[in-house]
């Protein structure tokens, strides 16, 4: 089902800037691979527990501010990697690249 929610973050400018300088900047450094999907992107990370915890926090925040995202966290049982799929309605790819800088 396609959401008709406008693609905009619900955080204030100050909140967004703080999030960009903390959680987002940290995750940007840890991306091992970025893959374009039909309706978003998939990001591969190291499978350590600390990164999974960080990604879980990112998902919780994004659910509050950007409810148009569909977020899937796929964790390999062997702890080698994990994958975050960030997808959504038309226009979400551009939003991910410009607003999240991922």
PDB file of N, CA and C in Angstrom:
ATOM      1  N   UNK A   1       0.835  -1.179   0.000  1.00  0.00           N
ATOM      2  CA  UNK A   1       0.000   0.000   0.000  1.00  0.00           C
ATOM      3  C   UNK A   1       0.876   1.237   0.000  1.00  0.00           C
ATOM      4  N   UNK A   2       0.631   2.161  -0.902  1.00  0.00           N
ATOM      5  CA  UNK A   2       1.428   3.374  -1.017  1.00  0.00           C
ATOM      6  C   UNK A   2       0.870   4.436  -0.088  1.00  0.00           C
ATOM      7  N   UNK A   3       1.753   5.033   0.704  1.00  0.00           N
ATOM      8  CA  UNK A   3       1.356   6.084   1.632  1.00  0.00           C
ATOM      9  C   UNK A   3       1.194   7.401   0.893  1.00  0.00           C
ATOM     10  N   UNK A   4       0.206   8.174   1.308  1.00  0.00           N
ATOM     11  CA  UNK A   4       0.015   9.492   0.710  1.00  0.00           C
ATOM     12  C   UNK A   4       0.607  10.580   1.593  1.00  0.00           C
ATOM     13  N   UNK A   5       1.279  10.171   2.676  1.00  0.00           N
ATOM     14  CA  UNK A   5       1.910  11.119   3.575  1.00  0.00           C
ATOM     15  C   UNK A   5       3.001  11.886   2.833  1.00  0.00           C
ATOM     16  N   UNK A   6       3.037  13.199   3.042  1.00  0.00           N
ATOM     17  CA  UNK A   6       4.079  14.017   2.416  1.00  0.00           C
ATOM     18  C   UNK A   6       5.447  13.569   2.917  1.00  0.00           C
ATOM     19  N   UNK A   7       6.428  13.622   2.031  1.00  0.00           N
ATOM     20  CA  UNK A   7       7.775  13.221   2.398  1.00  0.00           C
ATOM     21  C   UNK A   7       8.475  14.386   3.078  1.00  0.00           C
ATOM     22  N   UNK A   8       8.290  14.483   4.377  1.00  0.00           N
ATOM     23  CA  UNK A   8       8.977  15.514   5.139  1.00  0.00           C
ATOM     24  C   UNK A   8       9.221  15.008   6.546  1.00  0.00           C
ATOM     25  N   UNK A   9      10.329  15.440   7.096  1.00  0.00           N
ATOM     26  CA  UNK A   9      10.706  15.057   8.451  1.00  0.00           C
ATOM     27  C   UNK A   9       9.906  15.894   9.436  1.00  0.00           C
ATOM     28  N   UNK A  10       9.471  15.269  10.512  1.00  0.00           N
ATOM     29  CA  UNK A  10       8.657  15.958  11.507  1.00  0.00           C
ATOM     30  C   UNK A  10       9.480  16.575  12.632  1.00  0.00           C
ATOM     31  N   UNK A  11      10.803  16.437  12.573  1.00  0.00           N
ATOM     32  CA  UNK A  11      11.650  17.036  13.593  1.00  0.00           C
ATOM     33  C   UNK A  11      11.843  18.521  13.307  1.00  0.00           C
ATOM     34  N   UNK A  12      12.087  19.285  14.343  1.00  0.00           N
ATOM     35  CA  UNK A  12      12.399  20.705  14.146  1.00  0.00           C
ATOM     36  C   UNK A  12      13.789  20.810  13.540  1.00  0.00           C
ATOM     37  N   UNK A  13      14.124  21.948  13.036  1.00  0.00           N
ATOM     38  CA  UNK A  13      15.446  22.141  12.435  1.00  0.00           C
ATOM     39  C   UNK A  13      16.564  21.843  13.415  1.00  0.00           C
ATOM     40  N   UNK A  14      16.452  22.294  14.642  1.00  0.00           N
ATOM     41  CA  UNK A  14      17.490  22.036  15.649  1.00  0.00           C
ATOM     42  C   UNK A  14      17.611  20.544  15.925  1.00  0.00           C
ATOM     43  N   UNK A  15      16.475  19.852  16.030  1.00  0.00           N
ATOM     44  CA  UNK A  15      16.494  18.417  16.265  1.00  0.00           C
ATOM     45  C   UNK A  15      17.128  17.681  15.087  1.00  0.00           C
ATOM     46  N   UNK A  16      16.774  18.087  13.884  1.00  0.00           N
ATOM     47  CA  UNK A  16      17.315  17.447  12.685  1.00  0.00           C
ATOM     48  C   UNK A  16      18.823  17.633  12.612  1.00  0.00           C
ATOM     49  N   UNK A  17      19.298  18.823  12.886  1.00  0.00           N
ATOM     50  CA  UNK A  17      20.734  19.074  12.832  1.00  0.00           C
ATOM     51  C   UNK A  17      21.470  18.241  13.881  1.00  0.00           C
ATOM     52  N   UNK A  18      20.915  18.129  15.076  1.00  0.00           N
ATOM     53  CA  UNK A  18      21.550  17.324  16.110  1.00  0.00           C
ATOM     54  C   UNK A  18      21.590  15.857  15.700  1.00  0.00           C
ATOM     55  N   UNK A  19      20.486  15.374  15.122  1.00  0.00           N
ATOM     56  CA  UNK A  19      20.428  13.981  14.675  1.00  0.00           C
ATOM     57  C   UNK A  19      21.433  13.742  13.564  1.00  0.00           C
ATOM     58  N   UNK A  20      21.553  14.699  12.631  1.00  0.00           N
ATOM     59  CA  UNK A  20      22.508  14.549  11.532  1.00  0.00           C
ATOM     60  C   UNK A  20      23.934  14.488  12.037  1.00  0.00           C
ATOM     61  N   UNK A  21      24.230  15.265  13.065  1.00  0.00           N
ATOM     62  CA  UNK A  21      25.607  15.303  13.558  1.00  0.00           C
ATOM     63  C   UNK A  21      25.920  14.148  14.494  1.00  0.00           C
ATOM     64  N   UNK A  22      24.931  13.419  14.925  1.00  0.00           N
ATOM     65  CA  UNK A  22      25.193  12.300  15.835  1.00  0.00           C
ATOM     66  C   UNK A  22      24.904  10.969  15.145  1.00  0.00           C
ATOM     67  N   UNK A  23      23.673  10.561  15.168  1.00  0.00           N
ATOM     68  CA  UNK A  23      23.309   9.234  14.652  1.00  0.00           C
ATOM     69  C   UNK A  23      23.637   9.091  13.174  1.00  0.00           C
ATOM     70  N   UNK A  24      23.199  10.029  12.367  1.00  0.00           N
ATOM     71  CA  UNK A  24      23.409   9.898  10.923  1.00  0.00           C
ATOM     72  C   UNK A  24      24.885   9.930  10.544  1.00  0.00           C
ATOM     73  N   UNK A  25      25.650  10.839  11.128  1.00  0.00           N
ATOM     74  CA  UNK A  25      27.080  10.920  10.813  1.00  0.00           C
ATOM     75  C   UNK A  25      27.794   9.633  11.209  1.00  0.00           C
ATOM     76  N   UNK A  26      27.406   9.082  12.347  1.00  0.00           N
ATOM     77  CA  UNK A  26      28.006   7.829  12.797  1.00  0.00           C
ATOM     78  C   UNK A  26      27.691   6.697  11.822  1.00  0.00           C
ATOM     79  N   UNK A  27      26.427   6.593  11.418  1.00  0.00           N
ATOM     80  CA  UNK A  27      26.046   5.533  10.486  1.00  0.00           C
ATOM     81  C   UNK A  27      26.689   5.712   9.115  1.00  0.00           C
ATOM     82  N   UNK A  28      26.796   6.937   8.641  1.00  0.00           N
ATOM     83  CA  UNK A  28      27.409   7.190   7.340  1.00  0.00           C
ATOM     84  C   UNK A  28      28.813   6.602   7.265  1.00  0.00           C
ATOM     85  N   UNK A  29      29.557   6.706   8.345  1.00  0.00           N
ATOM     86  CA  UNK A  29      30.935   6.205   8.393  1.00  0.00           C
ATOM     87  C   UNK A  29      30.996   4.685   8.400  1.00  0.00           C
ATOM     88  N   UNK A  30      29.909   4.046   8.793  1.00  0.00           N
ATOM     89  CA  UNK A  30      29.920   2.592   8.985  1.00  0.00           C
ATOM     90  C   UNK A  30      29.305   1.811   7.829  1.00  0.00           C
ATOM     91  N   UNK A  31      28.783   2.503   6.828  1.00  0.00           N
ATOM     92  CA  UNK A  31      28.190   1.813   5.672  1.00  0.00           C
ATOM     93  C   UNK A  31      29.300   1.109   4.900  1.00  0.00           C
ATOM     94  N   UNK A  32      29.164  -0.184   4.719  1.00  0.00           N
ATOM     95  CA  UNK A  32      30.124  -0.956   3.937  1.00  0.00           C
ATOM     96  C   UNK A  32      29.739  -0.983   2.461  1.00  0.00           C
ATOM     97  N   UNK A  33      28.432  -1.009   2.208  1.00  0.00           N
ATOM     98  CA  UNK A  33      27.954  -1.066   0.820  1.00  0.00           C
ATOM     99  C   UNK A  33      26.566  -0.443   0.761  1.00  0.00           C
ATOM    100  N   UNK A  34      26.311   0.263  -0.322  1.00  0.00           N
ATOM    101  CA  UNK A  34      24.998   0.868  -0.575  1.00  0.00           C
ATOM    102  C   UNK A  34      24.474   0.290  -1.875  1.00  0.00           C
ATOM    103  N   UNK A  35      23.237  -0.167  -1.837  1.00  0.00           N
ATOM    104  CA  UNK A  35      22.627  -0.778  -3.020  1.00  0.00           C
ATOM    105  C   UNK A  35      21.306  -0.075  -3.319  1.00  0.00           C
ATOM    106  N   UNK A  36      21.132   0.330  -4.546  1.00  0.00           N
ATOM    107  CA  UNK A  36      19.878   0.972  -4.930  1.00  0.00           C
ATOM    108  C   UNK A  36      18.807  -0.100  -5.134  1.00  0.00           C
ATOM    109  N   UNK A  37      17.648   0.145  -4.544  1.00  0.00           N
ATOM    110  CA  UNK A  37      16.493  -0.719  -4.704  1.00  0.00           C
ATOM    111  C   UNK A  37      15.444   0.012  -5.537  1.00  0.00           C
ATOM    112  N   UNK A  38      14.432  -0.686  -5.972  1.00  0.00           N
ATOM    113  CA  UNK A  38      13.383  -0.069  -6.780  1.00  0.00           C
ATOM    114  C   UNK A  38      12.726   1.107  -6.059  1.00  0.00           C
ATOM    115  N   UNK A  39      12.527   0.969  -4.758  1.00  0.00           N
ATOM    116  CA  UNK A  39      11.813   1.997  -4.009  1.00  0.00           C
ATOM    117  C   UNK A  39      12.601   2.499  -2.797  1.00  0.00           C
ATOM    118  N   UNK A  40      13.928   2.501  -2.906  1.00  0.00           N
ATOM    119  CA  UNK A  40      14.768   3.002  -1.828  1.00  0.00           C
ATOM    120  C   UNK A  40      16.196   2.497  -1.941  1.00  0.00           C
ATOM    121  N   UNK A  41      16.817   2.260  -0.784  1.00  0.00           N
ATOM    122  CA  UNK A  41      18.200   1.803  -0.748  1.00  0.00           C
ATOM    123  C   UNK A  41      18.367   0.736   0.324  1.00  0.00           C
ATOM    124  N   UNK A  42      19.402  -0.086   0.149  1.00  0.00           N
ATOM    125  CA  UNK A  42      19.811  -1.050   1.161  1.00  0.00           C
ATOM    126  C   UNK A  42      21.247  -0.722   1.536  1.00  0.00           C
ATOM    127  N   UNK A  43      21.529  -0.748   2.829  1.00  0.00           N
ATOM    128  CA  UNK A  43      22.848  -0.427   3.350  1.00  0.00           C
ATOM    129  C   UNK A  43      23.359  -1.619   4.137  1.00  0.00           C
ATOM    130  N   UNK A  44      24.570  -2.055   3.809  1.00  0.00           N
ATOM    131  CA  UNK A  44      25.189  -3.171   4.505  1.00  0.00           C
ATOM    132  C   UNK A  44      26.180  -2.623   5.519  1.00  0.00           C
ATOM    133  N   UNK A  45      26.123  -3.190   6.715  1.00  0.00           N
ATOM    134  CA  UNK A  45      26.997  -2.811   7.816  1.00  0.00           C
ATOM    135  C   UNK A  45      27.660  -4.055   8.382  1.00  0.00           C
ATOM    136  N   UNK A  46      28.697  -3.848   9.168  1.00  0.00           N
ATOM    137  CA  UNK A  46      29.303  -4.912   9.949  1.00  0.00           C
ATOM    138  C   UNK A  46      28.215  -5.478  10.870  1.00  0.00           C
ATOM    139  N   UNK A  47      28.284  -6.731  11.209  1.00  0.00           N
ATOM    140  CA  UNK A  47      27.240  -7.373  11.995  1.00  0.00           C
ATOM    141  C   UNK A  47      27.436  -7.348  13.494  1.00  0.00           C
ATOM    142  N   UNK A  48      28.353  -6.510  13.993  1.00  0.00           N
ATOM    143  CA  UNK A  48      28.579  -6.454  15.444  1.00  0.00           C
ATOM    144  C   UNK A  48      27.336  -5.960  16.183  1.00  0.00           C
ATOM    145  N   UNK A  49      27.174  -6.404  17.409  1.00  0.00           N
ATOM    146  CA  UNK A  49      26.026  -6.027  18.223  1.00  0.00           C
ATOM    147  C   UNK A  49      25.909  -4.518  18.405  1.00  0.00           C
ATOM    148  N   UNK A  50      27.039  -3.823  18.542  1.00  0.00           N
ATOM    149  CA  UNK A  50      27.009  -2.374  18.740  1.00  0.00           C
ATOM    150  C   UNK A  50      26.366  -1.669  17.546  1.00  0.00           C
ATOM    151  N   UNK A  51      26.650  -2.151  16.359  1.00  0.00           N
ATOM    152  CA  UNK A  51      26.074  -1.530  15.157  1.00  0.00           C
ATOM    153  C   UNK A  51      24.595  -1.864  15.060  1.00  0.00           C
ATOM    154  N   UNK A  52      24.227  -3.071  15.404  1.00  0.00           N
ATOM    155  CA  UNK A  52      22.809  -3.439  15.401  1.00  0.00           C
ATOM    156  C   UNK A  52      22.045  -2.566  16.400  1.00  0.00           C
ATOM    157  N   UNK A  53      22.640  -2.316  17.566  1.00  0.00           N
ATOM    158  CA  UNK A  53      22.008  -1.426  18.552  1.00  0.00           C
ATOM    159  C   UNK A  53      21.844  -0.017  17.986  1.00  0.00           C
ATOM    160  N   UNK A  54      22.865   0.477  17.322  1.00  0.00           N
ATOM    161  CA  UNK A  54      22.814   1.817  16.728  1.00  0.00           C
ATOM    162  C   UNK A  54      21.746   1.889  15.629  1.00  0.00           C
ATOM    163  N   UNK A  55      21.675   0.856  14.819  1.00  0.00           N
ATOM    164  CA  UNK A  55      20.655   0.819  13.773  1.00  0.00           C
ATOM    165  C   UNK A  55      19.256   0.737  14.374  1.00  0.00           C
ATOM    166  N   UNK A  56      19.110   0.007  15.459  1.00  0.00           N
ATOM    167  CA  UNK A  56      17.808  -0.066  16.137  1.00  0.00           C
ATOM    168  C   UNK A  56      17.381   1.305  16.643  1.00  0.00           C
ATOM    169  N   UNK A  57      18.308   2.067  17.195  1.00  0.00           N
ATOM    170  CA  UNK A  57      18.002   3.428  17.654  1.00  0.00           C
ATOM    171  C   UNK A  57      17.615   4.319  16.471  1.00  0.00           C
ATOM    172  N   UNK A  58      18.334   4.173  15.361  1.00  0.00           N
ATOM    173  CA  UNK A  58      18.018   4.932  14.150  1.00  0.00           C
ATOM    174  C   UNK A  58      16.595   4.619  13.686  1.00  0.00           C
ATOM    175  N   UNK A  59      16.242   3.338  13.691  1.00  0.00           N
ATOM    176  CA  UNK A  59      14.903   2.921  13.263  1.00  0.00           C
ATOM    177  C   UNK A  59      13.834   3.523  14.170  1.00  0.00           C
ATOM    178  N   UNK A  60      14.066   3.502  15.471  1.00  0.00           N
ATOM    179  CA  UNK A  60      13.093   4.094  16.404  1.00  0.00           C
ATOM    180  C   UNK A  60      12.885   5.575  16.130  1.00  0.00           C
ATOM    181  N   UNK A  61      13.964   6.292  15.885  1.00  0.00           N
ATOM    182  CA  UNK A  61      13.874   7.726  15.600  1.00  0.00           C
ATOM    183  C   UNK A  61      13.142   7.971  14.287  1.00  0.00           C
ATOM    184  N   UNK A  62      13.493   7.215  13.266  1.00  0.00           N
ATOM    185  CA  UNK A  62      12.877   7.414  11.949  1.00  0.00           C
ATOM    186  C   UNK A  62      11.381   7.115  11.971  1.00  0.00           C
ATOM    187  N   UNK A  63      10.967   6.166  12.780  1.00  0.00           N
ATOM    188  CA  UNK A  63       9.531   5.859  12.884  1.00  0.00           C
ATOM    189  C   UNK A  63       8.764   7.054  13.437  1.00  0.00           C
ATOM    190  N   UNK A  64       9.399   7.842  14.295  1.00  0.00           N
ATOM    191  CA  UNK A  64       8.758   9.009  14.882  1.00  0.00           C
ATOM    192  C   UNK A  64       8.725  10.196  13.926  1.00  0.00           C
ATOM    193  N   UNK A  65       9.797  10.390  13.190  1.00  0.00           N
ATOM    194  CA  UNK A  65       9.898  11.613  12.390  1.00  0.00           C
ATOM    195  C   UNK A  65       9.556  11.424  10.916  1.00  0.00           C
ATOM    196  N   UNK A  66       9.756  10.251  10.392  1.00  0.00           N
ATOM    197  CA  UNK A  66       9.546  10.008   8.957  1.00  0.00           C
ATOM    198  C   UNK A  66       8.703   8.743   8.795  1.00  0.00           C
ATOM    199  N   UNK A  67       7.423   8.867   9.108  1.00  0.00           N
ATOM    200  CA  UNK A  67       6.553   7.697   9.141  1.00  0.00           C
ATOM    201  C   UNK A  67       6.208   7.126   7.766  1.00  0.00           C
ATOM    202  N   UNK A  68       6.728   7.733   6.725  1.00  0.00           N
ATOM    203  CA  UNK A  68       6.508   7.218   5.369  1.00  0.00           C
ATOM    204  C   UNK A  68       7.524   6.137   5.002  1.00  0.00           C
ATOM    205  N   UNK A  69       8.584   5.978   5.803  1.00  0.00           N
ATOM    206  CA  UNK A  69       9.592   4.954   5.542  1.00  0.00           C
ATOM    207  C   UNK A  69       9.081   3.563   5.907  1.00  0.00           C
ATOM    208  N   UNK A  70       9.546   2.573   5.155  1.00  0.00           N
ATOM    209  CA  UNK A  70       9.475   1.185   5.565  1.00  0.00           C
ATOM    210  C   UNK A  70      10.916   0.795   5.847  1.00  0.00           C
ATOM    211  N   UNK A  71      11.168   0.326   7.065  1.00  0.00           N
ATOM    212  CA  UNK A  71      12.530   0.001   7.484  1.00  0.00           C
ATOM    213  C   UNK A  71      12.619  -1.479   7.801  1.00  0.00           C
ATOM    214  N   UNK A  72      13.559  -2.152   7.181  1.00  0.00           N
ATOM    215  CA  UNK A  72      13.793  -3.571   7.433  1.00  0.00           C
ATOM    216  C   UNK A  72      15.239  -3.749   7.862  1.00  0.00           C
ATOM    217  N   UNK A  73      15.444  -4.378   9.016  1.00  0.00           N
ATOM    218  CA  UNK A  73      16.781  -4.691   9.486  1.00  0.00           C
ATOM    219  C   UNK A  73      16.956  -6.202   9.376  1.00  0.00           C
ATOM    220  N   UNK A  74      17.931  -6.604   8.585  1.00  0.00           N
ATOM    221  CA  UNK A  74      18.194  -8.020   8.348  1.00  0.00           C
ATOM    222  C   UNK A  74      19.549  -8.336   8.976  1.00  0.00           C
ATOM    223  N   UNK A  75      19.539  -9.269   9.913  1.00  0.00           N
ATOM    224  CA  UNK A  75      20.745  -9.581  10.670  1.00  0.00           C
ATOM    225  C   UNK A  75      21.186 -11.004  10.345  1.00  0.00           C
ATOM    226  N   UNK A  76      22.432 -11.147   9.918  1.00  0.00           N
ATOM    227  CA  UNK A  76      22.985 -12.469   9.624  1.00  0.00           C
ATOM    228  C   UNK A  76      23.293 -13.186  10.933  1.00  0.00           C
ATOM    229  N   UNK A  77      22.939 -14.439  11.020  1.00  0.00           N
ATOM    230  CA  UNK A  77      23.185 -15.216  12.227  1.00  0.00           C
ATOM    231  C   UNK A  77      24.656 -15.397  12.542  1.00  0.00           C
ATOM    232  N   UNK A  78      25.509 -15.319  11.527  1.00  0.00           N
ATOM    233  CA  UNK A  78      26.942 -15.519  11.745  1.00  0.00           C
ATOM    234  C   UNK A  78      27.664 -14.245  12.188  1.00  0.00           C
ATOM    235  N   UNK A  79      26.922 -13.159  12.383  1.00  0.00           N
ATOM    236  CA  UNK A  79      27.443 -11.871  12.860  1.00  0.00           C
ATOM    237  C   UNK A  79      28.386 -11.182  11.876  1.00  0.00           C
ATOM    238  N   UNK A  80      28.456 -11.662  10.636  1.00  0.00           N
ATOM    239  CA  UNK A  80      29.334 -11.028   9.663  1.00  0.00           C
ATOM    240  C   UNK A  80      28.801  -9.703   9.158  1.00  0.00           C
ATOM    241  N   UNK A  81      27.484  -9.616   9.016  1.00  0.00           N
ATOM    242  CA  UNK A  81      26.930  -8.386   8.456  1.00  0.00           C
ATOM    243  C   UNK A  81      25.478  -8.213   8.875  1.00  0.00           C
ATOM    244  N   UNK A  82      24.989  -7.013   8.657  1.00  0.00           N
ATOM    245  CA  UNK A  82      23.570  -6.735   8.786  1.00  0.00           C
ATOM    246  C   UNK A  82      23.220  -5.755   7.673  1.00  0.00           C
ATOM    247  N   UNK A  83      21.950  -5.695   7.370  1.00  0.00           N
ATOM    248  CA  UNK A  83      21.501  -4.901   6.227  1.00  0.00           C
ATOM    249  C   UNK A  83      20.270  -4.110   6.647  1.00  0.00           C
ATOM    250  N   UNK A  84      20.307  -2.826   6.376  1.00  0.00           N
ATOM    251  CA  UNK A  84      19.162  -1.968   6.619  1.00  0.00           C
ATOM    252  C   UNK A  84      18.564  -1.588   5.269  1.00  0.00           C
ATOM    253  N   UNK A  85      17.309  -1.957   5.065  1.00  0.00           N
ATOM    254  CA  UNK A  85      16.592  -1.563   3.861  1.00  0.00           C
ATOM    255  C   UNK A  85      15.681  -0.405   4.238  1.00  0.00           C
ATOM    256  N   UNK A  86      15.856   0.701   3.536  1.00  0.00           N
ATOM    257  CA  UNK A  86      15.113   1.929   3.783  1.00  0.00           C
ATOM    258  C   UNK A  86      14.345   2.233   2.507  1.00  0.00           C
ATOM    259  N   UNK A  87      13.032   2.001   2.542  1.00  0.00           N
ATOM    260  CA  UNK A  87      12.209   2.145   1.347  1.00  0.00           C
ATOM    261  C   UNK A  87      10.974   2.979   1.664  1.00  0.00           C
ATOM    262  N   UNK A  88      10.226   3.289   0.614  1.00  0.00           N
ATOM    263  CA  UNK A  88       9.008   4.068   0.803  1.00  0.00           C
ATOM    264  C   UNK A  88       8.369   4.427  -0.521  1.00  0.00           C
ATOM    265  N   UNK A  89       7.467   5.416  -0.492  1.00  0.00           N
ATOM    266  CA  UNK A  89       6.739   5.810  -1.694  1.00  0.00           C
ATOM    267  C   UNK A  89       7.623   6.574  -2.677  1.00  0.00           C
ATOM    268  N   UNK A  90       7.048   6.914  -3.806  1.00  0.00           N
ATOM    269  CA  UNK A  90       7.762   7.672  -4.827  1.00  0.00           C
ATOM    270  C   UNK A  90       8.387   8.922  -4.216  1.00  0.00           C
ATOM    271  N   UNK A  91       9.641   9.177  -4.575  1.00  0.00           N
ATOM    272  CA  UNK A  91      10.356  10.334  -4.068  1.00  0.00           C
ATOM    273  C   UNK A  91      11.239  10.028  -2.871  1.00  0.00           C
ATOM    274  N   UNK A  92      11.131   8.820  -2.316  1.00  0.00           N
ATOM    275  CA  UNK A  92      11.881   8.488  -1.108  1.00  0.00           C
ATOM    276  C   UNK A  92      13.383   8.390  -1.376  1.00  0.00           C
ATOM    277  N   UNK A  93      13.793   7.961  -2.551  1.00  0.00           N
ATOM    278  CA  UNK A  93      15.224   7.867  -2.854  1.00  0.00           C
ATOM    279  C   UNK A  93      15.884   9.235  -2.754  1.00  0.00           C
ATOM    280  N   UNK A  94      15.252  10.217  -3.343  1.00  0.00           N
ATOM    281  CA  UNK A  94      15.795  11.572  -3.304  1.00  0.00           C
ATOM    282  C   UNK A  94      15.834  12.088  -1.873  1.00  0.00           C
ATOM    283  N   UNK A  95      14.801  11.786  -1.087  1.00  0.00           N
ATOM    284  CA  UNK A  95      14.758  12.191   0.312  1.00  0.00           C
ATOM    285  C   UNK A  95      15.924  11.576   1.086  1.00  0.00           C
ATOM    286  N   UNK A  96      16.172  10.299   0.880  1.00  0.00           N
ATOM    287  CA  UNK A  96      17.262   9.607   1.566  1.00  0.00           C
ATOM    288  C   UNK A  96      18.604  10.245   1.231  1.00  0.00           C
ATOM    289  N   UNK A  97      18.805  10.560  -0.030  1.00  0.00           N
ATOM    290  CA  UNK A  97      20.075  11.128  -0.466  1.00  0.00           C
ATOM    291  C   UNK A  97      20.263  12.565   0.004  1.00  0.00           C
ATOM    292  N   UNK A  98      19.217  13.383  -0.046  1.00  0.00           N
ATOM    293  CA  UNK A  98      19.359  14.791   0.304  1.00  0.00           C
ATOM    294  C   UNK A  98      19.183  15.070   1.780  1.00  0.00           C
ATOM    295  N   UNK A  99      18.152  14.517   2.391  1.00  0.00           N
ATOM    296  CA  UNK A  99      17.873  14.804   3.795  1.00  0.00           C
ATOM    297  C   UNK A  99      18.698  13.968   4.756  1.00  0.00           C
ATOM    298  N   UNK A 100      18.881  12.705   4.447  1.00  0.00           N
ATOM    299  CA  UNK A 100      19.655  11.826   5.338  1.00  0.00           C
ATOM    300  C   UNK A 100      21.117  11.750   4.930  1.00  0.00           C
ATOM    301  N   UNK A 101      21.420  12.157   3.719  1.00  0.00           N
ATOM    302  CA  UNK A 101      22.784  12.109   3.175  1.00  0.00           C
ATOM    303  C   UNK A 101      23.370  10.714   3.254  1.00  0.00           C
ATOM    304  N   UNK A 102      22.532   9.721   2.981  1.00  0.00           N
ATOM    305  CA  UNK A 102      22.990   8.329   2.982  1.00  0.00           C
ATOM    306  C   UNK A 102      23.053   7.803   1.559  1.00  0.00           C
TER     307      UNK A 102
END
